[in-house]
Protein backbone atom coordinates (compact mmCIF):
# COMPACT_ATOMS: atom_id res chain seq x y z
CA MET A 1 0.00 0.00 0.00
CA ARG A 2 2.78 2.43 0.88
CA ALA A 3 4.52 1.77 -2.44
CA ALA A 4 1.29 2.34 -4.33
CA LEU A 5 0.71 5.61 -2.54
CA ARG A 6 4.26 6.72 -3.29
CA LEU A 7 3.70 5.96 -6.97
CA LEU A 8 0.42 7.87 -6.87
CA ALA A 9 2.15 10.83 -5.26
CA LEU A 10 4.84 10.80 -7.92
CA MET A 11 2.21 10.73 -10.65
CA LEU A 12 0.52 13.70 -9.02
CA VAL A 13 3.79 15.60 -8.83
CA LEU A 14 4.48 14.93 -12.50
CA SER A 15 0.97 15.92 -13.57
CA VAL A 16 0.87 19.38 -12.01
CA SER A 17 1.39 21.97 -14.73
CA PHE A 18 0.54 25.12 -12.81
CA GLY A 19 4.08 25.17 -11.52
CA THR A 20 7.17 27.29 -11.39
CA GLY A 21 8.79 26.45 -14.70
CA ALA A 22 9.28 29.35 -17.08
CA GLY A 23 7.40 27.46 -19.81
CA HIS A 24 4.17 27.12 -17.85
CA ALA A 25 1.21 29.22 -18.85
CA GLN A 26 -0.02 31.67 -16.25
CA ALA A 27 -3.69 31.74 -15.33
CA PRO A 28 -5.52 34.95 -16.26
CA VAL A 29 -7.38 36.45 -13.33
CA PRO A 30 -9.49 39.62 -13.05
CA TRP A 31 -6.75 41.23 -11.00
CA THR A 32 -8.07 44.80 -11.34
CA ASP A 33 -11.18 44.01 -9.30
CA PHE A 34 -9.28 42.21 -6.54
CA LYS A 35 -6.59 44.87 -6.39
CA GLY A 36 -9.07 47.70 -6.32
CA ARG A 37 -11.25 46.30 -3.54
CA PHE A 38 -8.88 44.40 -1.27
CA LEU A 39 -5.31 45.64 -1.76
CA ARG A 40 -4.09 48.78 -0.02
CA ASP A 41 -1.35 50.89 -1.57
CA ASP A 42 1.12 49.70 1.06
CA GLY A 43 0.60 46.04 0.10
CA ARG A 44 -1.78 44.93 2.84
CA VAL A 45 -4.62 42.64 1.71
CA ILE A 46 -7.80 43.50 3.61
CA ASP A 47 -10.34 40.97 4.85
CA ASN A 48 -13.45 43.14 4.65
CA GLY A 49 -15.56 40.35 6.12
CA ASN A 50 -13.59 40.50 9.40
CA ASP A 51 -13.29 44.18 10.32
CA GLY A 52 -10.49 44.89 7.87
CA VAL A 53 -7.89 42.61 9.46
CA SER A 54 -5.20 40.96 7.36
CA HIS A 55 -3.96 37.37 7.36
CA SER A 56 -0.85 35.64 6.14
CA GLU A 57 -3.26 33.54 4.06
CA GLY A 58 -4.61 36.62 2.31
CA GLN A 59 -1.13 37.99 1.69
CA GLY A 60 -0.20 34.68 0.08
CA PHE A 61 -3.39 34.64 -1.99
CA GLY A 62 -2.65 38.16 -3.19
CA MET A 63 0.95 37.33 -4.10
CA LEU A 64 -0.09 34.25 -6.08
CA LEU A 65 -2.82 36.11 -7.95
CA ALA A 66 -0.42 38.95 -8.74
CA VAL A 67 2.00 36.48 -10.30
CA ALA A 68 -0.82 34.94 -12.33
CA ALA A 69 -1.76 38.42 -13.57
CA ASP A 70 1.91 39.27 -14.28
CA TYR A 71 1.65 42.31 -12.03
CA ARG A 72 5.07 42.47 -10.44
CA ARG A 73 4.73 45.88 -8.85
CA ALA A 74 1.72 44.77 -6.79
CA PHE A 75 3.45 41.48 -5.99
CA SER A 76 6.49 43.36 -4.65
CA ARG A 77 4.33 45.62 -2.50
CA ILE A 78 2.45 42.67 -0.99
CA TRP A 79 5.64 40.73 -0.34
CA ARG A 80 7.38 43.73 1.25
CA TRP A 81 4.45 44.44 3.60
CA THR A 82 4.17 40.76 4.50
CA ARG A 83 7.87 40.47 5.25
CA ASP A 84 7.99 43.72 7.23
CA HIS A 85 4.87 43.16 9.34
CA LEU A 86 4.25 39.42 9.67
CA ARG A 87 7.67 37.72 9.50
CA ARG A 88 8.37 36.00 12.81
CA LYS A 89 11.58 36.83 14.65
CA ASP A 90 12.90 33.32 15.24
CA ASP A 91 12.18 31.57 11.93
CA ALA A 92 11.13 32.14 8.32
CA LEU A 93 7.40 31.69 9.02
CA PHE A 94 4.73 34.39 9.34
CA SER A 95 2.33 35.42 12.09
CA TRP A 96 -1.18 34.70 11.00
CA ARG A 97 -3.10 37.90 11.76
CA TYR A 98 -2.65 41.68 11.69
CA VAL A 99 -5.25 43.91 13.37
CA PRO A 100 -5.01 47.52 12.13
CA GLY A 101 -5.36 50.19 14.76
CA ALA A 102 -4.54 47.87 17.65
CA GLU A 103 -1.82 48.82 20.12
CA ASN A 104 -0.09 45.60 19.11
CA PRO A 105 -1.36 44.69 15.63
CA VAL A 106 0.32 41.26 15.79
CA SER A 107 -0.63 40.16 19.29
CA ASP A 108 -0.54 36.45 18.43
CA PRO A 109 2.85 35.49 16.98
CA ASN A 110 1.71 32.00 15.97
CA ASP A 111 1.71 31.17 12.28
CA ALA A 112 -0.85 29.53 9.99
CA ALA A 113 0.50 26.81 7.73
CA ASP A 114 -1.63 27.72 4.72
CA GLY A 115 -0.36 31.29 4.79
CA ASP A 116 3.24 30.11 5.01
CA ILE A 117 2.69 27.68 2.12
CA PHE A 118 1.01 30.20 -0.17
CA ILE A 119 3.70 32.79 0.47
CA ALA A 120 6.49 30.31 -0.33
CA TRP A 121 4.64 29.00 -3.39
CA ALA A 122 3.98 32.50 -4.73
CA LEU A 123 7.64 33.40 -4.28
CA MET A 124 8.65 30.28 -6.22
CA ARG A 125 6.33 31.13 -9.06
CA GLY A 126 7.36 34.77 -9.04
CA ALA A 127 11.02 33.77 -9.14
CA ALA A 128 10.42 31.61 -12.21
CA ARG A 129 8.23 34.13 -14.01
CA TRP A 130 10.52 37.10 -13.46
CA GLN A 131 13.83 35.20 -13.25
CA ASP A 132 14.62 36.59 -9.81
CA PRO A 133 17.07 34.53 -7.70
CA GLU A 134 16.31 36.58 -4.56
CA LEU A 135 12.68 35.47 -4.65
CA ALA A 136 13.81 31.88 -5.18
CA ALA A 137 16.10 32.08 -2.15
CA ALA A 138 13.33 33.52 0.02
CA ALA A 139 10.97 30.76 -1.10
CA ALA A 140 13.53 28.07 -0.29
CA GLU A 141 14.07 29.46 3.20
CA ILE A 142 10.34 29.48 3.97
CA ARG A 143 9.82 26.05 2.44
CA ALA A 144 12.59 24.59 4.61
CA ALA A 145 11.06 26.15 7.72
CA ILE A 146 7.64 24.68 6.86
CA ARG A 147 9.20 21.27 6.44
CA GLN A 148 11.18 21.52 9.68
CA LYS A 149 8.53 23.00 11.97
CA LEU A 150 5.15 22.05 10.53
CA VAL A 151 5.54 18.56 9.02
CA VAL A 152 5.55 15.92 11.76
CA GLU A 153 5.28 12.15 11.86
CA ALA A 154 2.50 10.80 14.06
CA SER A 155 0.37 7.66 14.02
CA GLY A 156 2.42 6.36 11.10
CA ARG A 157 1.68 9.37 8.88
CA PHE A 158 3.33 12.59 7.85
CA LEU A 159 0.94 15.28 9.10
CA LEU A 160 0.91 19.03 8.48
CA LEU A 161 0.43 21.02 11.68
CA PRO A 162 -1.86 24.05 11.23
CA GLY A 163 0.69 26.15 13.15
CA VAL A 164 3.82 25.79 15.23
CA GLU A 165 2.01 26.16 18.54
CA GLY A 166 -1.18 24.70 19.94
CA PHE A 167 -2.06 21.70 17.78
CA ARG A 168 -0.36 18.79 19.53
CA VAL A 169 -2.01 17.32 22.63
CA GLU A 170 0.39 15.66 25.04
CA GLY A 171 -0.32 11.98 25.59
CA LYS A 172 -0.91 10.41 29.00
CA ASP A 173 0.74 7.42 30.65
CA GLY A 174 3.43 7.32 28.00
CA LYS A 175 0.94 7.01 25.14
CA PRO A 176 1.21 9.16 21.99
CA GLY A 177 -0.85 12.33 22.02
CA ASP A 178 -3.43 13.60 19.56
CA VAL A 179 -2.72 15.94 16.65
CA ILE A 180 -5.19 18.52 15.34
CA VAL A 181 -5.02 19.17 11.61
CA ASN A 182 -6.89 21.35 9.13
CA PRO A 183 -7.49 19.38 5.92
CA SER A 184 -7.91 22.60 3.94
CA TYR A 185 -4.25 23.46 4.53
CA LEU A 186 -3.19 20.52 2.32
CA ILE A 187 -2.27 22.53 -0.77
CA PHE A 188 -1.32 19.75 -3.18
CA PRO A 189 -0.12 21.80 -6.17
CA ALA A 190 2.24 23.71 -3.87
CA PHE A 191 3.55 20.48 -2.34
CA ALA A 192 4.20 19.15 -5.84
CA ASP A 193 6.26 22.22 -6.69
CA PHE A 194 8.08 21.96 -3.37
CA HIS A 195 8.97 18.37 -4.17
CA ALA A 196 10.20 19.31 -7.63
CA ALA A 197 12.46 21.96 -6.08
CA ALA A 198 13.70 19.84 -3.14
CA PRO A 199 13.03 16.12 -3.71
CA ALA A 200 15.09 15.10 -0.68
CA GLU A 201 12.81 16.93 1.77
CA GLY A 202 10.03 14.34 1.71
CA TRP A 203 7.21 16.31 0.12
CA ASP A 204 6.26 13.24 -1.90
CA ARG A 205 5.53 11.36 1.31
CA LEU A 206 3.48 14.27 2.65
CA ILE A 207 1.45 14.17 -0.58
CA ALA A 208 0.91 10.41 -0.34
CA ASP A 209 0.06 10.44 3.37
CA SER A 210 -2.24 13.45 2.97
CA LEU A 211 -4.16 11.77 0.16
CA ALA A 212 -4.56 8.69 2.37
CA LEU A 213 -5.69 10.91 5.25
CA LEU A 214 -8.36 12.56 3.12
CA ARG A 215 -9.50 9.17 1.85
CA ASP A 216 -10.04 8.05 5.45
CA ALA A 217 -11.38 11.34 6.89
CA ARG A 218 -14.91 11.18 5.49
CA PHE A 219 -17.84 11.69 7.80
CA GLY A 220 -21.61 11.95 7.85
CA ARG A 221 -24.05 10.52 5.34
CA HIS A 222 -22.40 12.50 2.54
CA GLY A 223 -18.89 11.26 3.32
CA LEU A 224 -17.28 14.72 3.44
CA PRO A 225 -14.13 16.05 5.13
CA PRO A 226 -14.51 18.25 8.24
CA ASP A 227 -13.23 21.79 8.70
CA TRP A 228 -10.96 20.50 11.50
CA LEU A 229 -9.79 16.96 12.16
CA VAL A 230 -8.21 15.15 15.11
CA VAL A 231 -5.76 12.30 14.55
CA THR A 232 -5.66 10.45 17.85
CA GLY A 233 -2.52 8.93 19.28
CA ASP A 234 -3.69 5.47 18.23
CA GLY A 235 -4.51 6.63 14.69
CA ARG A 236 -8.28 7.14 14.84
CA LEU A 237 -9.83 10.06 12.95
CA ALA A 238 -12.75 12.27 13.96
CA PRO A 239 -13.97 15.85 13.56
CA ALA A 240 -11.85 17.81 16.01
CA PRO A 241 -13.37 18.71 19.39
CA GLY A 242 -13.71 22.43 19.89
CA TRP A 243 -14.93 23.10 16.36
CA ALA A 244 -18.36 22.50 14.85
CA PRO A 245 -18.27 19.18 12.92
CA ARG A 246 -18.94 20.81 9.57
CA PHE A 247 -18.00 20.70 5.93
CA GLY A 248 -17.94 24.47 5.66
CA TYR A 249 -15.81 27.54 5.16
CA ASP A 250 -12.50 25.77 5.77
CA ALA A 251 -13.23 22.40 4.20
CA LEU A 252 -14.49 23.96 0.96
CA ARG A 253 -10.81 24.40 0.05
CA VAL A 254 -10.17 20.64 0.24
CA PRO A 255 -11.75 19.94 -3.18
CA LEU A 256 -10.16 23.10 -4.58
CA TYR A 257 -6.63 21.93 -3.81
CA LEU A 258 -7.38 18.32 -4.74
CA ALA A 259 -8.65 19.42 -8.14
CA TRP A 260 -5.80 21.89 -8.60
CA GLY A 261 -3.31 19.14 -7.79
CA ARG A 262 -5.14 16.65 -10.02
CA GLY A 263 -5.88 14.27 -7.21
CA PRO A 264 -7.05 10.71 -7.95
CA ALA A 265 -10.65 10.14 -9.02
CA GLU A 266 -11.53 8.26 -5.83
CA GLN A 267 -11.08 11.48 -3.86
CA PHE A 268 -13.97 13.11 -5.72
CA ASP A 269 -16.77 10.52 -5.61
CA ALA A 270 -18.51 11.88 -2.51
CA LEU A 271 -17.67 15.50 -3.29
CA HIS A 272 -19.07 15.17 -6.81
CA ALA A 273 -22.29 13.59 -5.56
CA TYR A 274 -22.76 16.24 -2.88
CA PHE A 275 -22.18 19.19 -5.23
CA ALA A 276 -24.16 17.70 -8.14
CA ALA A 277 -27.29 17.42 -6.02
CA ARG A 278 -27.00 21.01 -4.73
CA ILE A 279 -25.28 23.15 -7.34
CA GLU A 280 -28.38 25.32 -7.76
CA ASN A 281 -29.10 25.50 -4.03
CA LEU A 282 -25.78 25.06 -2.23
CA PRO A 283 -25.84 25.63 1.54
CA ALA A 284 -22.91 27.39 3.19
CA TRP A 285 -22.22 24.33 5.37
CA VAL A 286 -23.48 20.90 6.33
CA ASP A 287 -23.20 19.42 9.82
CA LEU A 288 -21.44 16.06 9.52
CA ALA A 289 -22.96 14.74 12.74
CA THR A 290 -26.63 15.63 12.21
CA GLY A 291 -26.94 16.33 8.49
CA ALA A 292 -28.37 19.80 9.21
CA THR A 293 -27.45 22.51 6.72
CA ALA A 294 -27.05 26.25 6.94
CA ASP A 295 -30.21 28.25 6.30
CA TYR A 296 -28.30 30.54 3.94
CA GLN A 297 -26.56 29.96 0.66
CA ALA A 298 -22.86 29.43 0.00
CA GLY A 299 -20.93 32.34 -1.45
CA ARG A 300 -19.52 32.59 -4.93
CA GLY A 301 -16.23 31.04 -3.78
CA MET A 302 -17.83 27.75 -2.72
CA ARG A 303 -19.97 27.70 -5.86
CA ALA A 304 -16.82 28.15 -7.94
CA VAL A 305 -15.20 25.19 -6.19
CA ALA A 306 -18.32 23.11 -6.87
CA GLY A 307 -18.12 24.11 -10.53
CA LEU A 308 -14.48 23.05 -10.61
CA VAL A 309 -15.30 19.60 -9.19
CA LEU A 310 -18.29 19.15 -11.52
CA GLY A 311 -16.47 20.43 -14.60
CA VAL A 312 -18.88 23.34 -15.16
CA ARG A 313 -16.70 26.10 -16.57
CA ASP A 314 -19.23 28.95 -16.30
CA VAL A 315 -19.49 28.32 -12.54
CA ALA A 316 -15.83 27.51 -11.86
CA ALA A 317 -14.52 30.58 -13.67
CA GLU A 318 -17.27 33.06 -12.76
CA VAL A 319 -15.86 36.50 -12.09
CA PRO A 320 -16.42 37.81 -8.52
CA ARG A 321 -18.86 40.68 -8.13
CA SER A 322 -18.88 43.78 -5.98
CA GLU A 323 -21.04 42.14 -3.30
CA ASP A 324 -18.53 39.31 -2.74
CA ASP A 325 -16.34 39.74 0.31
CA TYR A 326 -12.59 39.12 0.37
CA TYR A 327 -12.72 35.42 1.17
CA SER A 328 -15.40 34.48 -1.34
CA ALA A 329 -13.75 36.55 -4.07
CA ALA A 330 -10.30 35.12 -3.38
CA ILE A 331 -11.54 31.51 -3.44
CA ALA A 332 -13.42 32.17 -6.67
CA LEU A 333 -10.28 33.56 -8.30
CA LEU A 334 -8.20 30.63 -7.10
CA ALA A 335 -10.81 28.23 -8.53
CA ALA A 336 -10.59 30.07 -11.85
CA ALA A 337 -6.80 29.73 -11.78
CA ALA A 338 -7.13 26.01 -11.06
CA TRP A 339 -9.61 25.64 -13.94
CA HIS A 340 -7.23 27.38 -16.34
CA ASP A 341 -4.38 25.10 -15.28
CA ARG A 342 -6.42 21.94 -15.80
């Protein structure tokens, strides 16, 4: 089984074309809208759905979209602000949140793995597109820090910690402890590019083990992944305590990154069935324990991901509108980029 998964991971690595090579086509995105509504002149990407805060995730999204749009000046501004305001003192990772106007805008120094990954991936792609060795060096430093601090082995798997602090539960009586993971931080096309750049670092195993994790982490009558997952010390999987057991705003990115990384067909059976039955009336979340759904509709970002999974171009590549907030617009643009790559 392990050998088969390794082969599958290698096939996935070889199949990803939205990579860093100079010959790869870049996905067109409606950059002007995103830049005009969510990017400040100083390079800070604003989450207008959360009181104007900024996240390392959003900075990484903005950098990647700027590369796709071939807008180097905006890319440089975003990268400079991110480096100057979010870079942690003791490593190459980035604090996850910036609160404008606060006495200490970065009161929580902890990182978020998806932000770190997107920033490193965008730097890799920017380095290749603009032939800039300084960007390549910065990407390599961040990538190495992610591998060293966020990829751990537990319960026989390589797991990606959501952040350096707070996601490992100490075991009792000498038994291994639990690990909390966020399945939506498994950004397969980035891992494939990381592996291509540094094959000795073990990214192929993280790909293989993460695909196996997602295959096993299916819950509720629809068989969907949860927003947050606990991997117990003895290897059992369950929706993580402390979070609602939902396929919702986090987990919607699981099919996005699976599709972008050209994951195996078996990963999409349940997702395809769920989206196909609801594409015209898609709830914002479904409770994996009770089957209850939100009484309001999913945003354009989740609909775009559904379109990507179902192969409906007009939905997957739909341009965000003025009423879409930062998160929904960003996810929609990322889905469009994934569609273009496929």
